[in-house]
Amino acid sequence: MPWFLLFIAGLMEAAWAVGLKYTDGFTRPLPSLLTILGIVISMGLLGLVARDLPIGTAYGVWVGIGALGAAVLGIFLFGETLTPLRFFFLTLLAVSIAGLKLTSA
């Protein structure tokens, strides 16, 4: 169960990171509220998961999922470029996340 919650926490991190783009500097109420809610959920789940998983692993996976998710969403939602080198490094990030999961006790 901790790994599932960590995955959800990582997805919420990606969601709030992308949500920042829609807040317009926290001047738009609904996107700002949803972004803050995403932050609270993401951090809250990370806190729960830290009870059962090593913090270095939990935090690394959480940040990795958030960064990977935000980058992929940026490509699809905002038209950010996907060069072969960027694709390579995003793939490397995904492999690193999986490696942390596979090598954790």
N, C-alpha and C. Protein backbone atom coordinates (compact mmCIF):
# COMPACT_ATOMS: atom_id res chain seq x y z
N MET A 1 0.80 -1.21 0.00
CA MET A 1 0.00 0.00 0.00
C MET A 1 0.84 1.28 0.00
N PRO A 2 1.99 1.32 0.69
CA PRO A 2 2.78 2.55 0.67
C PRO A 2 3.23 2.94 -0.74
N TRP A 3 3.56 1.95 -1.55
CA TRP A 3 4.02 2.27 -2.91
C TRP A 3 2.90 2.85 -3.76
N PHE A 4 1.70 2.33 -3.58
CA PHE A 4 0.56 2.88 -4.31
C PHE A 4 0.31 4.33 -3.89
N LEU A 5 0.35 4.58 -2.59
CA LEU A 5 0.15 5.94 -2.10
C LEU A 5 1.26 6.87 -2.57
N LEU A 6 2.47 6.35 -2.63
CA LEU A 6 3.59 7.15 -3.12
C LEU A 6 3.40 7.50 -4.59
N PHE A 7 2.90 6.57 -5.37
CA PHE A 7 2.62 6.83 -6.78
C PHE A 7 1.57 7.93 -6.91
N ILE A 8 0.51 7.85 -6.12
CA ILE A 8 -0.54 8.88 -6.16
C ILE A 8 0.04 10.23 -5.72
N ALA A 9 0.87 10.21 -4.68
CA ALA A 9 1.51 11.45 -4.22
C ALA A 9 2.36 12.07 -5.33
N GLY A 10 3.09 11.24 -6.06
CA GLY A 10 3.90 11.73 -7.17
C GLY A 10 3.06 12.31 -8.29
N LEU A 11 1.94 11.66 -8.58
CA LEU A 11 1.03 12.19 -9.60
C LEU A 11 0.46 13.54 -9.16
N MET A 12 0.14 13.64 -7.88
CA MET A 12 -0.38 14.91 -7.36
C MET A 12 0.69 16.01 -7.41
N GLU A 13 1.94 15.61 -7.23
CA GLU A 13 3.01 16.61 -7.35
C GLU A 13 3.10 17.13 -8.77
N ALA A 14 3.01 16.22 -9.73
CA ALA A 14 3.01 16.66 -11.13
C ALA A 14 1.82 17.56 -11.40
N ALA A 15 0.66 17.21 -10.84
CA ALA A 15 -0.55 18.00 -11.07
C ALA A 15 -0.41 19.41 -10.50
N TRP A 16 0.11 19.53 -9.27
CA TRP A 16 0.21 20.88 -8.72
C TRP A 16 1.31 21.68 -9.40
N ALA A 17 2.36 21.01 -9.85
CA ALA A 17 3.42 21.72 -10.57
C ALA A 17 2.87 22.32 -11.86
N VAL A 18 2.09 21.52 -12.59
CA VAL A 18 1.46 22.02 -13.81
C VAL A 18 0.40 23.06 -13.47
N GLY A 19 -0.29 22.85 -12.35
CA GLY A 19 -1.30 23.81 -11.92
C GLY A 19 -0.74 25.21 -11.71
N LEU A 20 0.52 25.29 -11.33
CA LEU A 20 1.15 26.61 -11.13
C LEU A 20 1.06 27.46 -12.40
N LYS A 21 1.15 26.79 -13.54
CA LYS A 21 1.07 27.50 -14.82
C LYS A 21 -0.29 28.17 -14.99
N TYR A 22 -1.33 27.53 -14.46
CA TYR A 22 -2.69 28.03 -14.62
C TYR A 22 -3.09 29.06 -13.56
N THR A 23 -2.32 29.18 -12.48
CA THR A 23 -2.70 30.11 -11.42
C THR A 23 -2.43 31.57 -11.77
N ASP A 24 -1.57 31.78 -12.75
CA ASP A 24 -1.17 33.14 -13.15
C ASP A 24 -0.66 33.91 -11.93
N GLY A 25 0.31 33.29 -11.26
CA GLY A 25 0.90 33.92 -10.07
C GLY A 25 -0.06 33.96 -8.89
N PHE A 26 -0.90 32.95 -8.79
CA PHE A 26 -1.91 32.84 -7.74
C PHE A 26 -2.91 34.00 -7.77
N THR A 27 -3.18 34.52 -8.96
CA THR A 27 -4.18 35.57 -9.11
C THR A 27 -5.52 35.03 -9.58
N ARG A 28 -5.57 33.78 -10.00
CA ARG A 28 -6.81 33.16 -10.45
C ARG A 28 -7.29 32.22 -9.34
N PRO A 29 -8.44 32.49 -8.75
CA PRO A 29 -8.88 31.76 -7.55
C PRO A 29 -9.04 30.25 -7.71
N LEU A 30 -9.77 29.78 -8.68
CA LEU A 30 -10.02 28.34 -8.79
C LEU A 30 -8.74 27.55 -9.09
N PRO A 31 -7.95 27.95 -10.10
CA PRO A 31 -6.71 27.21 -10.30
C PRO A 31 -5.78 27.28 -9.09
N SER A 32 -5.78 28.41 -8.39
CA SER A 32 -4.94 28.55 -7.20
C SER A 32 -5.39 27.60 -6.10
N LEU A 33 -6.70 27.52 -5.89
CA LEU A 33 -7.25 26.63 -4.88
C LEU A 33 -6.93 25.17 -5.21
N LEU A 34 -7.12 24.78 -6.46
CA LEU A 34 -6.83 23.41 -6.87
C LEU A 34 -5.34 23.08 -6.75
N THR A 35 -4.50 24.04 -7.07
CA THR A 35 -3.05 23.83 -6.94
C THR A 35 -2.66 23.65 -5.48
N ILE A 36 -3.18 24.49 -4.61
CA ILE A 36 -2.89 24.37 -3.18
C ILE A 36 -3.41 23.04 -2.64
N LEU A 37 -4.59 22.64 -3.08
CA LEU A 37 -5.14 21.35 -2.67
C LEU A 37 -4.23 20.21 -3.13
N GLY A 38 -3.71 20.30 -4.34
CA GLY A 38 -2.78 19.30 -4.84
C GLY A 38 -1.51 19.22 -4.00
N ILE A 39 -1.01 20.39 -3.59
CA ILE A 39 0.18 20.43 -2.74
C ILE A 39 -0.10 19.74 -1.42
N VAL A 40 -1.22 20.05 -0.81
CA VAL A 40 -1.57 19.47 0.50
C VAL A 40 -1.71 17.95 0.39
N ILE A 41 -2.43 17.49 -0.63
CA ILE A 41 -2.60 16.04 -0.80
C ILE A 41 -1.27 15.36 -1.06
N SER A 42 -0.48 15.94 -1.95
CA SER A 42 0.81 15.34 -2.29
C SER A 42 1.74 15.24 -1.08
N MET A 43 1.86 16.33 -0.34
CA MET A 43 2.72 16.34 0.85
C MET A 43 2.17 15.43 1.94
N GLY A 44 0.85 15.45 2.10
CA GLY A 44 0.24 14.59 3.12
C GLY A 44 0.48 13.12 2.84
N LEU A 45 0.32 12.72 1.59
CA LEU A 45 0.58 11.32 1.24
C LEU A 45 2.05 10.97 1.41
N LEU A 46 2.93 11.89 1.03
CA LEU A 46 4.37 11.63 1.24
C LEU A 46 4.66 11.44 2.72
N GLY A 47 4.04 12.24 3.56
CA GLY A 47 4.23 12.09 5.00
C GLY A 47 3.76 10.74 5.51
N LEU A 48 2.63 10.27 5.00
CA LEU A 48 2.14 8.95 5.39
C LEU A 48 3.09 7.85 4.94
N VAL A 49 3.55 7.96 3.72
CA VAL A 49 4.43 6.94 3.14
C VAL A 49 5.76 6.89 3.88
N ALA A 50 6.22 8.04 4.35
CA ALA A 50 7.52 8.09 5.05
C ALA A 50 7.53 7.27 6.33
N ARG A 51 6.36 6.89 6.82
CA ARG A 51 6.30 6.02 8.00
C ARG A 51 6.82 4.61 7.67
N ASP A 52 6.58 4.18 6.44
CA ASP A 52 6.87 2.81 6.05
C ASP A 52 8.08 2.63 5.13
N LEU A 53 8.43 3.66 4.38
CA LEU A 53 9.53 3.56 3.43
C LEU A 53 10.67 4.47 3.87
N PRO A 54 11.90 4.12 3.50
CA PRO A 54 13.02 5.02 3.80
C PRO A 54 12.78 6.38 3.14
N ILE A 55 13.06 7.45 3.85
CA ILE A 55 12.75 8.79 3.35
C ILE A 55 13.53 9.10 2.08
N GLY A 56 14.76 8.65 1.98
CA GLY A 56 15.53 8.90 0.76
C GLY A 56 14.89 8.27 -0.46
N THR A 57 14.41 7.07 -0.30
CA THR A 57 13.74 6.38 -1.40
C THR A 57 12.40 7.03 -1.69
N ALA A 58 11.61 7.27 -0.66
CA ALA A 58 10.28 7.86 -0.84
C ALA A 58 10.38 9.23 -1.49
N TYR A 59 11.28 10.05 -1.00
CA TYR A 59 11.41 11.40 -1.54
C TYR A 59 11.94 11.36 -2.98
N GLY A 60 12.92 10.52 -3.22
CA GLY A 60 13.46 10.40 -4.58
C GLY A 60 12.41 9.96 -5.59
N VAL A 61 11.61 8.97 -5.22
CA VAL A 61 10.56 8.49 -6.12
C VAL A 61 9.48 9.56 -6.28
N TRP A 62 9.11 10.21 -5.19
CA TRP A 62 8.09 11.27 -5.23
C TRP A 62 8.51 12.40 -6.17
N VAL A 63 9.73 12.88 -5.99
CA VAL A 63 10.24 13.97 -6.83
C VAL A 63 10.37 13.49 -8.28
N GLY A 64 10.85 12.27 -8.45
CA GLY A 64 11.03 11.74 -9.80
C GLY A 64 9.72 11.64 -10.56
N ILE A 65 8.70 11.09 -9.91
CA ILE A 65 7.39 10.98 -10.56
C ILE A 65 6.85 12.38 -10.87
N GLY A 66 7.00 13.29 -9.93
CA GLY A 66 6.53 14.66 -10.15
C GLY A 66 7.25 15.34 -11.31
N ALA A 67 8.56 15.20 -11.35
CA ALA A 67 9.33 15.82 -12.42
C ALA A 67 9.02 15.20 -13.78
N LEU A 68 8.98 13.88 -13.81
CA LEU A 68 8.67 13.19 -15.06
C LEU A 68 7.26 13.55 -15.53
N GLY A 69 6.30 13.52 -14.60
CA GLY A 69 4.92 13.85 -14.95
C GLY A 69 4.78 15.29 -15.44
N ALA A 70 5.43 16.22 -14.76
CA ALA A 70 5.36 17.62 -15.16
C ALA A 70 5.99 17.83 -16.54
N ALA A 71 7.08 17.15 -16.79
CA ALA A 71 7.75 17.28 -18.09
C ALA A 71 6.87 16.72 -19.22
N VAL A 72 6.29 15.56 -18.98
CA VAL A 72 5.42 14.95 -20.00
C VAL A 72 4.17 15.80 -20.22
N LEU A 73 3.57 16.27 -19.13
CA LEU A 73 2.39 17.13 -19.27
C LEU A 73 2.75 18.45 -19.97
N GLY A 74 3.93 18.96 -19.70
CA GLY A 74 4.38 20.18 -20.39
C GLY A 74 4.46 19.98 -21.89
N ILE A 75 4.90 18.80 -22.29
CA ILE A 75 4.99 18.49 -23.72
C ILE A 75 3.60 18.45 -24.34
N PHE A 76 2.67 17.77 -23.67
CA PHE A 76 1.33 17.60 -24.23
C PHE A 76 0.42 18.81 -24.06
N LEU A 77 0.51 19.50 -22.92
CA LEU A 77 -0.40 20.61 -22.66
C LEU A 77 0.11 21.96 -23.16
N PHE A 78 1.43 22.14 -23.12
CA PHE A 78 1.98 23.46 -23.42
C PHE A 78 2.86 23.48 -24.66
N GLY A 79 2.93 22.36 -25.36
CA GLY A 79 3.71 22.32 -26.60
C GLY A 79 5.21 22.42 -26.40
N GLU A 80 5.69 22.04 -25.22
CA GLU A 80 7.14 22.05 -25.01
C GLU A 80 7.79 21.02 -25.93
N THR A 81 9.00 21.30 -26.35
CA THR A 81 9.65 20.44 -27.33
C THR A 81 10.12 19.14 -26.70
N LEU A 82 10.09 18.10 -27.51
CA LEU A 82 10.62 16.80 -27.10
C LEU A 82 11.72 16.43 -28.09
N THR A 83 12.93 16.76 -27.72
CA THR A 83 14.07 16.41 -28.56
C THR A 83 14.50 14.99 -28.22
N PRO A 84 15.27 14.35 -29.09
CA PRO A 84 15.76 13.01 -28.77
C PRO A 84 16.55 12.98 -27.45
N LEU A 85 17.35 14.00 -27.19
CA LEU A 85 18.13 14.03 -25.96
C LEU A 85 17.22 14.20 -24.74
N ARG A 86 16.20 15.03 -24.86
CA ARG A 86 15.25 15.19 -23.76
C ARG A 86 14.51 13.88 -23.50
N PHE A 87 14.10 13.21 -24.57
CA PHE A 87 13.44 11.91 -24.44
C PHE A 87 14.36 10.92 -23.72
N PHE A 88 15.64 10.92 -24.07
CA PHE A 88 16.61 10.03 -23.43
C PHE A 88 16.66 10.29 -21.93
N PHE A 89 16.75 11.55 -21.54
CA PHE A 89 16.88 11.86 -20.12
C PHE A 89 15.58 11.62 -19.36
N LEU A 90 14.43 11.83 -19.99
CA LEU A 90 13.16 11.48 -19.34
C LEU A 90 13.06 9.97 -19.16
N THR A 91 13.52 9.23 -20.14
CA THR A 91 13.55 7.76 -20.01
C THR A 91 14.50 7.35 -18.90
N LEU A 92 15.64 8.00 -18.82
CA LEU A 92 16.59 7.71 -17.75
C LEU A 92 15.98 8.01 -16.38
N LEU A 93 15.20 9.07 -16.30
CA LEU A 93 14.51 9.38 -15.05
C LEU A 93 13.50 8.29 -14.68
N ALA A 94 12.76 7.80 -15.66
CA ALA A 94 11.80 6.72 -15.41
C ALA A 94 12.51 5.45 -14.95
N VAL A 95 13.64 5.15 -15.56
CA VAL A 95 14.43 3.98 -15.17
C VAL A 95 14.95 4.16 -13.74
N SER A 96 15.35 5.37 -13.41
CA SER A 96 15.85 5.65 -12.04
C SER A 96 14.75 5.46 -11.00
N ILE A 97 13.54 5.91 -11.32
CA ILE A 97 12.41 5.74 -10.41
C ILE A 97 12.15 4.24 -10.20
N ALA A 98 12.11 3.49 -11.29
CA ALA A 98 11.90 2.06 -11.20
C ALA A 98 13.03 1.38 -10.43
N GLY A 99 14.25 1.85 -10.64
CA GLY A 99 15.40 1.28 -9.93
C GLY A 99 15.31 1.50 -8.44
N LEU A 100 14.87 2.68 -8.01
CA LEU A 100 14.69 2.92 -6.58
C LEU A 100 13.64 1.99 -5.99
N LYS A 101 12.58 1.78 -6.74
CA LYS A 101 11.53 0.85 -6.27
C LYS A 101 12.05 -0.57 -6.17
N LEU A 102 12.76 -1.01 -7.20
CA LEU A 102 13.23 -2.40 -7.26
C LEU A 102 14.33 -2.70 -6.25
N THR A 103 15.08 -1.70 -5.87
CA THR A 103 16.20 -1.94 -4.95
C THR A 103 15.89 -1.57 -3.51
N SER A 104 14.66 -1.16 -3.23
CA SER A 104 14.33 -0.82 -1.84
C SER A 104 14.00 -2.09 -1.05
N ALA A 105 14.31 -2.01 0.22
CA ALA A 105 14.08 -3.18 1.09
C ALA A 105 12.62 -3.31 1.43
